[in-house]
Protein backbone atom coordinates (compact mmCIF):
# COMPACT_ATOMS: atom_id res chain seq x y z
CA MET A 1 52.55 29.50 12.44
CA SER A 2 52.51 28.94 15.72
CA SER A 3 50.95 25.74 17.40
CA THR A 4 48.06 27.58 18.14
CA ASP A 5 47.30 28.88 14.95
CA LYS A 6 47.38 25.42 13.77
CA THR A 7 45.33 24.12 16.09
CA VAL A 8 42.75 26.40 15.26
CA LYS A 9 43.59 26.08 11.63
CA LEU A 10 42.46 22.11 12.18
CA LEU A 11 39.83 23.30 14.52
CA LEU A 12 38.09 25.52 11.11
CA VAL A 13 38.98 23.12 8.64
CA LEU A 14 36.61 20.36 11.06
CA SER A 15 34.10 22.43 11.88
CA ARG A 16 33.37 23.11 8.46
CA MET A 17 33.45 19.56 7.22
CA ILE A 18 31.65 18.34 10.11
CA VAL A 19 28.75 20.96 10.54
CA GLY A 20 28.54 21.75 7.04
CA ALA A 21 27.98 17.65 5.96
CA THR A 22 25.89 17.19 8.75
CA PHE A 23 23.62 20.12 7.32
CA LEU A 24 24.15 18.92 3.58
CA PHE A 25 23.00 15.27 4.03
CA SER A 26 20.43 16.19 6.96
CA GLY A 27 18.67 18.46 4.36
CA LEU A 28 19.09 15.92 1.21
CA VAL A 29 17.03 12.80 3.32
CA LYS A 30 14.40 15.40 4.04
CA ALA A 31 14.15 16.22 0.57
CA VAL A 32 14.33 12.39 -0.34
CA ASP A 33 10.87 12.39 1.63
CA PRO A 34 9.22 15.79 1.86
CA LEU A 35 5.77 14.49 3.06
CA GLY A 36 7.45 12.40 5.35
CA PHE A 37 9.54 15.39 6.90
CA THR A 38 5.72 16.69 6.57
CA TYR A 39 3.85 13.88 8.61
CA LYS A 40 7.15 14.64 11.82
CA ILE A 41 6.23 17.96 11.64
CA GLN A 42 2.15 17.23 12.10
CA ASP A 43 3.10 14.60 14.66
CA TYR A 44 4.61 17.46 16.40
CA LEU A 45 1.78 19.97 16.00
CA ILE A 46 -0.61 17.17 17.79
CA GLU A 47 2.00 16.83 20.77
CA THR A 48 1.58 20.38 21.32
CA GLY A 49 -2.29 21.07 20.76
CA LEU A 50 -1.55 23.19 17.30
CA THR A 51 -3.73 21.19 14.92
CA VAL A 52 -4.68 24.18 13.59
CA LEU A 53 -1.19 25.11 11.81
CA PHE A 54 -1.06 21.82 9.59
CA PRO A 55 -1.96 23.68 6.55
CA LEU A 56 1.64 25.24 6.74
CA ALA A 57 3.13 22.02 8.11
CA LEU A 58 4.29 21.05 4.19
CA PRO A 59 5.42 24.69 2.92
CA VAL A 60 7.65 24.76 6.60
CA ALA A 61 8.92 20.99 5.27
CA LEU A 62 10.02 22.48 2.03
CA LEU A 63 11.56 25.13 3.80
CA MET A 64 13.67 23.70 6.03
CA VAL A 65 14.78 21.06 3.35
CA VAL A 66 15.81 24.10 1.24
CA ALA A 67 17.41 25.70 4.30
CA GLU A 68 19.59 23.44 5.82
CA PHE A 69 20.88 21.66 2.16
CA SER A 70 21.71 25.26 1.09
CA LEU A 71 23.30 26.12 3.99
CA GLY A 72 25.66 23.25 4.19
CA ALA A 73 26.33 23.02 0.92
CA LEU A 74 27.82 26.85 0.90
CA LEU A 75 29.51 26.02 4.50
CA LEU A 76 31.44 23.50 2.16
CA LEU A 77 31.94 25.90 -1.07
CA GLY A 78 33.07 28.88 1.33
CA ILE A 79 30.92 31.33 -0.26
CA TYR A 80 28.45 34.61 1.49
CA ARG A 81 30.72 33.23 4.37
CA ARG A 82 28.68 36.59 6.81
CA TRP A 83 25.44 35.24 6.29
CA THR A 84 26.02 31.65 5.78
CA THR A 85 27.83 31.44 9.08
CA ARG A 86 25.56 33.61 10.93
CA MET A 87 22.51 31.45 9.60
CA THR A 88 24.03 28.60 10.62
CA THR A 89 24.50 29.96 13.92
CA LEU A 90 21.07 31.51 13.99
CA PHE A 91 19.64 27.49 13.69
CA MET A 92 21.48 26.00 15.86
CA LEU A 93 20.56 28.92 18.36
CA PHE A 94 16.91 27.79 18.09
CA PHE A 95 16.94 23.94 17.48
CA THR A 96 19.25 23.10 19.86
CA PRO A 97 17.10 24.22 23.09
CA LEU A 98 14.12 22.77 21.24
CA THR A 99 15.54 19.56 21.09
CA LEU A 100 16.66 20.08 24.50
CA TRP A 101 12.74 20.71 25.69
CA ILE A 102 11.70 17.26 23.03
CA ALA A 103 14.68 15.22 24.74
CA LEU A 104 12.83 16.07 28.08
CA THR A 105 9.39 15.71 27.31
CA ASN A 106 9.79 12.88 24.36
CA PRO A 107 6.55 14.33 23.03
CA VAL A 108 7.98 12.02 19.95
CA GLU A 109 10.20 9.28 19.95
CA ASP A 110 12.06 9.72 16.44
CA CYS A 111 12.82 14.04 15.89
CA GLY A 112 12.96 13.32 12.00
CA CYS A 113 16.28 14.99 11.86
CA PHE A 114 17.65 12.29 9.29
CA GLY A 115 14.27 11.36 7.72
CA ASP A 116 13.66 7.25 7.99
CA ALA A 117 17.39 7.16 6.20
CA PHE A 118 19.30 7.55 9.94
CA ILE A 119 16.98 7.22 12.94
CA ILE A 120 19.02 8.59 16.70
CA SER A 121 17.17 9.21 19.61
CA ASN A 122 16.20 12.52 21.10
CA TRP A 123 18.92 13.01 23.36
CA GLN A 124 21.51 11.67 20.81
CA THR A 125 20.14 14.23 18.32
CA PHE A 126 20.48 16.89 21.40
CA PHE A 127 24.09 16.02 21.42
CA LYS A 128 24.60 16.45 18.10
CA ASN A 129 23.13 19.68 18.17
CA ILE A 130 25.70 21.12 21.08
CA LEU A 131 28.62 19.73 18.95
CA LEU A 132 27.18 21.78 15.64
CA LEU A 133 26.46 24.30 17.57
CA ALA A 134 29.86 24.43 19.02
CA GLY A 135 31.43 23.95 15.50
CA ALA A 136 28.55 27.10 13.85
CA ILE A 137 30.05 29.63 16.74
CA LEU A 138 33.69 28.78 15.42
CA LEU A 139 33.19 29.12 12.05
CA LEU A 140 31.30 32.52 12.75
CA VAL A 141 34.13 33.90 14.89
CA ARG A 142 36.72 32.68 12.19
CA ARG A 143 34.82 32.67 8.92
CA ASN A 144 37.69 35.51 7.21
CA ARG A 145 39.31 32.66 7.67
CA MET A 146 37.79 29.88 5.37
CA THR A 147 38.48 29.33 1.87
CA PRO A 148 36.30 30.01 -0.83
CA LEU A 149 35.80 27.57 -3.88
CA PHE A 150 34.38 30.38 -5.88
CA SER A 151 34.96 33.81 -6.12
CA SER A 152 32.73 36.67 -5.69
CA ARG A 153 31.69 36.97 -8.79
CA MET A 154 31.33 33.23 -9.94
CA ALA A 155 29.45 32.73 -6.25
CA PRO A 156 25.64 34.11 -7.01
CA ALA A 157 26.03 31.16 -9.96
CA ALA A 158 26.93 28.80 -7.48
CA ALA A 159 24.26 29.66 -4.94
CA LEU A 160 21.30 29.67 -7.31
CA PHE A 161 22.12 26.69 -8.22
CA THR A 162 23.02 25.22 -5.32
CA LEU A 163 18.98 26.11 -4.09
CA LEU A 164 17.32 25.19 -7.21
CA PHE A 165 18.76 21.50 -7.15
CA VAL A 166 17.60 21.19 -3.70
CA LEU A 167 13.56 22.78 -4.58
CA LEU A 168 13.39 20.95 -7.74
CA PHE A 169 14.37 17.41 -6.24
CA ALA A 170 12.31 18.20 -3.27
CA LEU A 171 9.27 18.24 -5.76
CA HIS A 172 9.91 15.59 -7.24
CA ASN A 173 10.00 13.41 -4.62
CA LEU A 174 6.76 15.22 -3.69
CA TYR A 175 4.90 14.43 -6.75
CA ARG A 176 6.57 11.41 -7.29
CA LEU A 177 7.34 8.60 -5.08
CA PRO A 178 10.72 9.20 -3.36
CA LEU A 179 13.40 8.56 -5.60
CA PHE A 180 15.40 5.98 -2.13
CA ASP A 181 12.76 4.25 -0.17
CA PHE A 182 13.98 3.52 3.64
CA ARG A 183 10.76 2.47 5.23
CA PRO A 184 9.89 -1.26 5.59
CA TYR A 185 7.44 -0.70 3.06
CA ARG A 186 10.01 -0.47 0.14
CA ILE A 187 10.70 -3.07 -2.75
CA GLY A 188 11.17 -5.92 -2.41
CA ALA A 189 10.61 -6.04 1.58
CA SER A 190 8.97 -9.09 3.11
CA ILE A 191 5.54 -7.19 5.03
CA PRO A 192 5.47 -10.02 7.39
CA ARG A 193 8.60 -10.52 8.54
CA GLN A 194 9.25 -7.22 9.49
CA MET A 195 6.34 -7.64 11.66
CA PHE A 196 7.86 -10.53 13.74
CA VAL A 197 10.55 -10.10 16.50
CA ASP A 198 12.27 -13.19 18.12
CA PRO A 199 10.30 -13.60 21.45
CA GLU A 200 14.02 -13.80 23.21
CA ARG A 201 14.98 -10.31 21.74
CA ALA A 202 11.25 -8.45 22.25
CA ASP A 203 10.61 -6.60 25.25
CA VAL A 204 10.48 -8.01 28.78
CA LEU A 205 7.54 -7.66 30.54
CA GLU A 206 6.16 -8.33 33.93
CA THR A 207 2.45 -8.52 35.65
CA ILE A 208 2.35 -6.80 38.82
CA PHE A 209 -1.01 -7.82 40.66
CA ILE A 210 -2.03 -5.42 43.62
CA TYR A 211 -4.04 -6.81 46.38
CA ALA A 212 -5.44 -5.13 49.70
CA LYS A 213 -5.75 -6.80 53.04
CA ASP A 214 -6.11 -4.60 56.22
CA GLY A 215 -6.65 -1.43 54.45
CA GLU A 216 -3.21 -1.57 53.00
CA GLU A 217 -2.34 -2.27 49.52
CA LYS A 218 0.81 -4.60 48.71
CA GLU A 219 2.39 -5.39 44.87
CA PHE A 220 3.31 -9.06 44.08
CA THR A 221 4.54 -10.82 41.01
CA GLU A 222 3.31 -13.93 39.16
CA GLU A 223 5.81 -15.67 41.55
CA ASN A 224 4.34 -14.97 44.58
CA TYR A 225 0.65 -13.28 44.33
CA PRO A 226 -1.63 -15.06 47.04
CA TRP A 227 -3.62 -16.18 44.96
CA ASN A 228 -4.63 -19.36 47.45
CA ASP A 229 -5.09 -16.51 50.54
CA SER A 230 -8.33 -15.33 50.80
CA THR A 231 -7.74 -12.51 52.87
CA TRP A 232 -6.14 -10.89 50.32
CA ILE A 233 -8.50 -8.96 48.11
CA PHE A 234 -7.71 -8.40 44.32
CA VAL A 235 -7.23 -4.66 43.70
CA ASP A 236 -5.99 -4.64 40.31
CA MET A 237 -3.10 -5.49 37.58
CA GLU A 238 -0.93 -4.09 35.24
CA THR A 239 2.08 -4.93 33.12
CA ARG A 240 5.72 -3.31 33.30
CA LEU A 241 8.49 -3.33 31.29
CA VAL A 242 11.53 -4.58 32.99
CA LYS A 243 14.02 -4.43 29.56
CA GLU A 244 13.65 -2.92 26.58
CA GLY A 245 14.13 -5.06 23.39
CA GLU A 246 13.84 -5.18 19.74
CA LYS A 247 10.71 -3.42 18.31
CA PRO A 248 9.37 -4.98 14.79
CA ALA A 249 9.87 -2.34 11.88
CA ILE A 250 6.07 -2.96 11.01
CA GLU A 251 4.04 -2.77 14.70
CA ASP A 252 0.37 -1.30 13.89
CA LEU A 253 -0.61 -3.08 10.50
CA ALA A 254 -4.38 -4.84 10.24
CA PHE A 255 -6.22 -5.03 7.41
CA GLU A 256 -10.33 -5.44 8.06
CA SER A 257 -12.95 -5.91 5.29
CA LEU A 258 -15.60 -2.94 4.28
CA TYR A 259 -18.61 -4.43 3.06
CA PHE A 260 -22.49 -3.25 2.16
CA ASP A 261 -25.01 -4.59 4.83
CA GLU A 262 -28.04 -4.99 2.31
CA THR A 263 -30.24 -5.65 5.90
CA SER A 264 -29.08 -1.97 7.59
CA GLY A 265 -27.99 -0.06 4.19
CA THR A 266 -24.79 0.69 5.32
CA TRP A 267 -21.20 0.23 5.25
CA GLN A 268 -19.83 -2.02 7.93
CA THR A 269 -16.45 -3.08 9.06
CA GLY A 270 -16.46 -6.86 8.67
CA GLY A 271 -13.62 -9.81 9.90
CA GLU A 272 -9.57 -8.69 9.94
CA ILE A 273 -8.17 -10.20 6.60
CA THR A 274 -4.28 -9.08 7.39
CA ASP A 275 -3.40 -12.94 7.35
CA ASN A 276 -5.29 -13.43 4.18
CA ILE A 277 -3.96 -10.32 1.99
CA LEU A 278 -0.22 -11.17 3.22
CA ALA A 279 -0.17 -14.88 2.52
CA GLU A 280 -1.82 -14.59 -0.58
CA PRO A 281 0.02 -16.83 -2.47
CA SER A 282 -0.80 -15.25 -6.23
CA TYR A 283 -0.15 -11.41 -6.85
CA THR A 284 -2.10 -9.01 -4.67
CA PHE A 285 -2.85 -5.76 -5.74
CA LEU A 286 -3.28 -2.72 -3.29
CA MET A 287 -4.99 0.29 -4.01
CA ILE A 288 -3.67 3.01 -0.90
CA ALA A 289 -5.97 5.76 -0.54
CA TYR A 290 -5.41 6.57 2.74
CA SER A 291 -8.23 9.88 2.86
CA LEU A 292 -11.15 9.19 0.44
CA GLU A 293 -11.46 12.71 1.00
CA GLU A 294 -8.38 14.00 -0.10
CA MET A 295 -7.72 11.52 -3.09
CA SER A 296 -7.01 12.64 -6.21
CA GLY A 297 -8.92 11.23 -8.59
CA ARG A 298 -7.54 12.30 -11.38
CA HIS A 299 -6.17 8.65 -12.65
CA LEU A 300 -9.04 6.19 -10.79
CA ASP A 301 -9.41 5.20 -14.51
CA ARG A 302 -6.10 3.63 -13.98
CA PHE A 303 -6.89 1.90 -11.15
CA ARG A 304 -10.01 0.75 -12.70
CA GLU A 305 -8.16 -1.18 -15.42
CA VAL A 306 -5.90 -2.93 -13.10
CA SER A 307 -8.86 -4.03 -11.32
CA SER A 308 -10.13 -5.36 -14.28
CA TYR A 309 -7.06 -7.03 -15.15
CA ALA A 310 -6.82 -8.43 -11.77
CA SER A 311 -10.13 -9.76 -11.56
CA GLU A 312 -9.62 -11.78 -14.84
CA ARG A 313 -6.71 -13.20 -14.20
CA GLY A 314 -8.04 -14.17 -10.45
CA TYR A 315 -6.11 -12.46 -8.52
CA PRO A 316 -7.29 -10.28 -5.40
CA PHE A 317 -7.64 -6.23 -5.81
CA TRP A 318 -8.24 -4.45 -2.44
CA LEU A 319 -9.12 -0.96 -1.91
CA VAL A 320 -7.32 0.05 1.30
CA THR A 321 -8.32 3.22 3.14
CA SER A 322 -8.66 4.50 6.64
CA SER A 323 -11.86 6.69 5.45
CA ALA A 324 -14.44 5.79 7.95
CA ALA A 325 -17.62 3.02 6.37
CA ASN A 326 -19.80 5.81 5.49
CA VAL A 327 -17.09 7.68 3.36
CA VAL A 328 -16.56 4.58 1.28
CA GLY A 329 -20.41 3.83 0.88
CA ALA A 330 -20.48 7.51 -0.29
CA TRP A 331 -17.49 7.18 -2.25
CA GLU A 332 -17.97 4.12 -3.94
CA GLU A 333 -21.90 5.19 -4.62
CA GLU A 334 -20.16 8.39 -6.66
CA HIS A 335 -17.77 6.69 -8.55
CA GLN A 336 -18.94 2.78 -9.20
CA THR A 337 -16.24 1.10 -9.52
CA GLY A 338 -17.01 -2.47 -7.75
CA PHE A 339 -13.69 -2.51 -5.99
CA HIS A 340 -13.03 -4.43 -2.29
CA PHE A 341 -12.41 -2.54 0.25
CA ALA A 342 -10.24 -2.87 3.30
CA HIS A 343 -9.62 -0.28 6.39
CA ALA A 344 -5.96 0.25 7.95
CA ASP A 345 -4.03 2.85 9.85
CA GLU A 346 -3.96 5.83 8.46
CA ARG A 347 -0.19 6.40 9.75
CA GLU A 348 0.66 2.95 8.33
CA LEU A 349 -0.65 3.60 4.68
CA LYS A 350 0.82 7.28 4.61
CA THR A 351 4.00 4.97 5.02
CA MET A 352 3.42 2.47 2.33
CA ILE A 353 3.36 4.60 0.26
CA ARG A 354 3.36 8.62 -0.59
CA SER A 355 0.56 8.93 -2.58
CA ASN A 356 -2.91 9.23 -2.37
CA PRO A 357 -4.01 7.21 -3.82
CA GLY A 358 -0.93 4.51 -4.76
CA LEU A 359 -0.38 1.04 -5.79
CA LEU A 360 0.90 -1.66 -3.99
CA LEU A 361 1.59 -5.19 -5.74
CA LEU A 362 2.55 -7.83 -3.18
CA LYS A 363 3.22 -11.55 -3.32
CA GLU A 364 2.75 -13.49 -0.51
CA GLY A 365 3.50 -10.34 1.58
CA VAL A 366 6.30 -9.22 -0.33
CA VAL A 367 6.24 -5.63 -2.24
CA ILE A 368 6.74 -6.92 -5.51
CA ASN A 369 6.39 -2.67 -6.92
CA LYS A 370 4.42 0.32 -6.40
CA TRP A 371 3.52 3.15 -7.82
CA ASP A 372 2.62 6.74 -7.47
CA ASP A 373 -1.02 7.14 -9.01
CA SER A 374 0.36 8.83 -12.26
CA ARG A 375 2.57 5.94 -12.99
CA VAL A 376 0.04 3.25 -12.40
CA PRO A 377 0.19 0.84 -15.34
CA ARG A 378 -2.53 1.88 -18.53
CA ALA A 379 -4.69 -1.06 -20.33
CA ASP A 380 -1.83 -1.00 -23.41
CA GLY A 381 0.78 -2.38 -20.46
CA LEU A 382 -1.49 -4.63 -19.08
CA ASN A 383 -2.58 -6.99 -22.30
CA LEU A 384 0.34 -9.14 -21.36
CA PRO A 385 0.47 -12.71 -18.97
CA PRO A 386 1.89 -11.25 -15.76
CA GLU A 387 5.16 -13.32 -16.12
CA GLU A 388 5.92 -11.04 -19.23
CA SER A 389 4.87 -8.07 -17.81
CA ASP A 390 6.93 -4.96 -16.31
CA LEU A 391 4.14 -5.27 -13.93
CA VAL A 392 5.61 -7.92 -11.79
CA LYS A 393 9.11 -7.57 -12.56
CA MET A 394 10.97 -6.91 -9.15
CA LYS A 395 13.61 -4.49 -9.42
CA ASP A 396 16.63 -4.90 -7.59
CA PRO A 397 16.41 -2.23 -4.81
CA LYS A 398 20.37 -1.93 -4.36
CA THR A 399 21.07 -1.72 -8.11
CA THR A 400 18.21 0.39 -8.10
CA GLY A 401 19.43 2.78 -5.69
CA ALA A 402 22.47 3.31 -6.59
CA PHE A 403 22.11 4.30 -9.67
CA HIS A 404 19.84 6.98 -8.76
CA LEU A 405 22.48 8.53 -5.67
CA LEU A 406 24.71 8.25 -8.92
CA ILE A 407 22.63 10.47 -10.67
CA THR A 408 21.57 12.33 -8.02
CA LEU A 409 25.51 13.34 -7.16
CA LEU A 410 26.00 14.12 -10.52
CA LEU A 411 23.58 16.35 -11.19
CA PHE A 412 24.27 18.19 -8.07
CA VAL A 413 28.58 17.82 -8.51
CA LEU A 414 29.04 17.98 -12.01
CA PRO A 415 27.54 21.67 -12.52
CA LEU A 416 29.34 22.96 -10.03
CA THR A 417 31.99 21.11 -11.23
CA LEU A 418 32.13 22.86 -14.40
CA LEU A 419 31.44 26.64 -13.04
CA ARG A 420 34.31 26.04 -10.88
CA TRP A 421 36.65 25.00 -14.11
CA SER A 422 35.30 27.75 -15.99
CA GLU A 423 36.19 30.28 -13.15
CA ARG A 424 39.77 28.84 -13.66
CA ARG A 425 39.57 29.09 -17.11
CA ARG A 426 38.49 32.50 -17.51
CA THR A 427 41.11 33.67 -14.69
CA GLY A 428 43.98 31.92 -16.66
CA GLU A 429 43.13 33.35 -20.15
CA VAL A 430 42.65 37.12 -18.28
CA LYS A 431 46.54 36.27 -16.73
CA ASP A 432 47.41 35.18 -20.13
CA ILE A 433 46.46 38.62 -21.75
CA GLU A 434 47.98 40.58 -18.44
CA ARG A 435 51.36 39.08 -19.35
C-alpha cells in the first residue's frame, strides 16, 4: 500500500469517527432535552419574524434529533453507506451556510447545536461545520472503502433499532423530566450562588458623557467630563462595554407577588419577593406553570395535596407563572385552589423545569428535588415528617447522572452487540455446514 493510500485510509477513518461521533453526540444531547431544543428553534423563529411556524417547532426538533443521532450511528456502523453519506453531506451543505449567517448576524447567542451540555459560540459552530463538511465530502467520495459492521442482511434490523431507540429516548425526556439536567436549576444547585459573579471578573463598563459646546458635541469619561464648566451643555449619557467578563449562570430571575385587590376587585402585581423565596430557611415548594392557559390540569389534585402538606407544616407554597394577572385571576376563580401566586419571566420558568406544570422543592435557594406533574408525590407519600420522607432526600446528581448514562449506553450498545454476535454465530454455523 502506497503512502498516499495510507494517508487516504487514515483520513477516511478519522472523518468517519469525527463526523459520526459529532452527529451522534449532538443528536443525543438534543434528545436529552427536546423541549429545550424546541425553545431554541422558537428563538430563531422570533428573530426572523416567523412566529406563525411555532406549532412546527416541536416536530422539527424531534425530526432533527432522530436524523442527527441516526446519521451519526449509521456512519459509525458503516451501513447504508450511499444514503448515509449523501444525507450527511446534504445536512452539512445546508447548515454550514446557515451557521455562517448566524455567526455574522448573531440573532441568538447560543446556537444550541449541543443543547445545554456543551455551549460554543456561533463562530466556533461555523468553523466546526467547515470541518464536518470536509469530512462528510470525503466520506461521500470514498464511501465504498468504509468497512460495515453489519452485513446487508442484518443492516435493516440495526438501522431500525437505532431509529426506535433515539425516538423513544427523546419522547421519554419529552413527557418526563430530562434524564440529564445541564441547566443551572438542576438538583443540588444553589440558585443564589449562580446569580452572583465576582465584580473583579464581571464586565468592565465605561460611562460616557456627551456634552455640547458651540454647536459641537464631544464625548467625555467620568475622569474628565466638564462638570464645573457651565459653557458645556449636557446632552446624553451612555454605558459602553470595555471588556467582556464572566456572566452569572442565572441573570434574569425575579419573583413578584400576585394578589387580589379587594378594593378594585382585580388581581395585581405586588412587590418583589425573590430574596424572601431564595433565603427561606425552611423548605419552599414552587409549582412552576409558565403558562396557565396552556397548563395541563390532569394532576392538579397532586399539587393541592402538596400545598395542604406545606400549609400544615408552615412551609411556603407558591404557584409561579408568567401569565398576566387577569389570567391568574380567571384561573383561580375557576379552580379555587387557594394557592399563593407569584410572577416570573417565562424563559426562566421554562429553564427551571421542562414540565408545565412542575414542582420544585427549595431550601435556602438550593434545589432539593423536582418533579414533573405526573410524578408529584401523592397524599399517601406525604404522611411522614419531612426528614423521614423521600420528599426532601436530595439525590446525588453525579451518582444519578452516572447511573442514567450507564443505563442509556447499555440500552443502545447491548442490543447492537447481540445483533452482531448473532450474525457472527450464524455465519460461523453456515461455514461449519459447508465444511
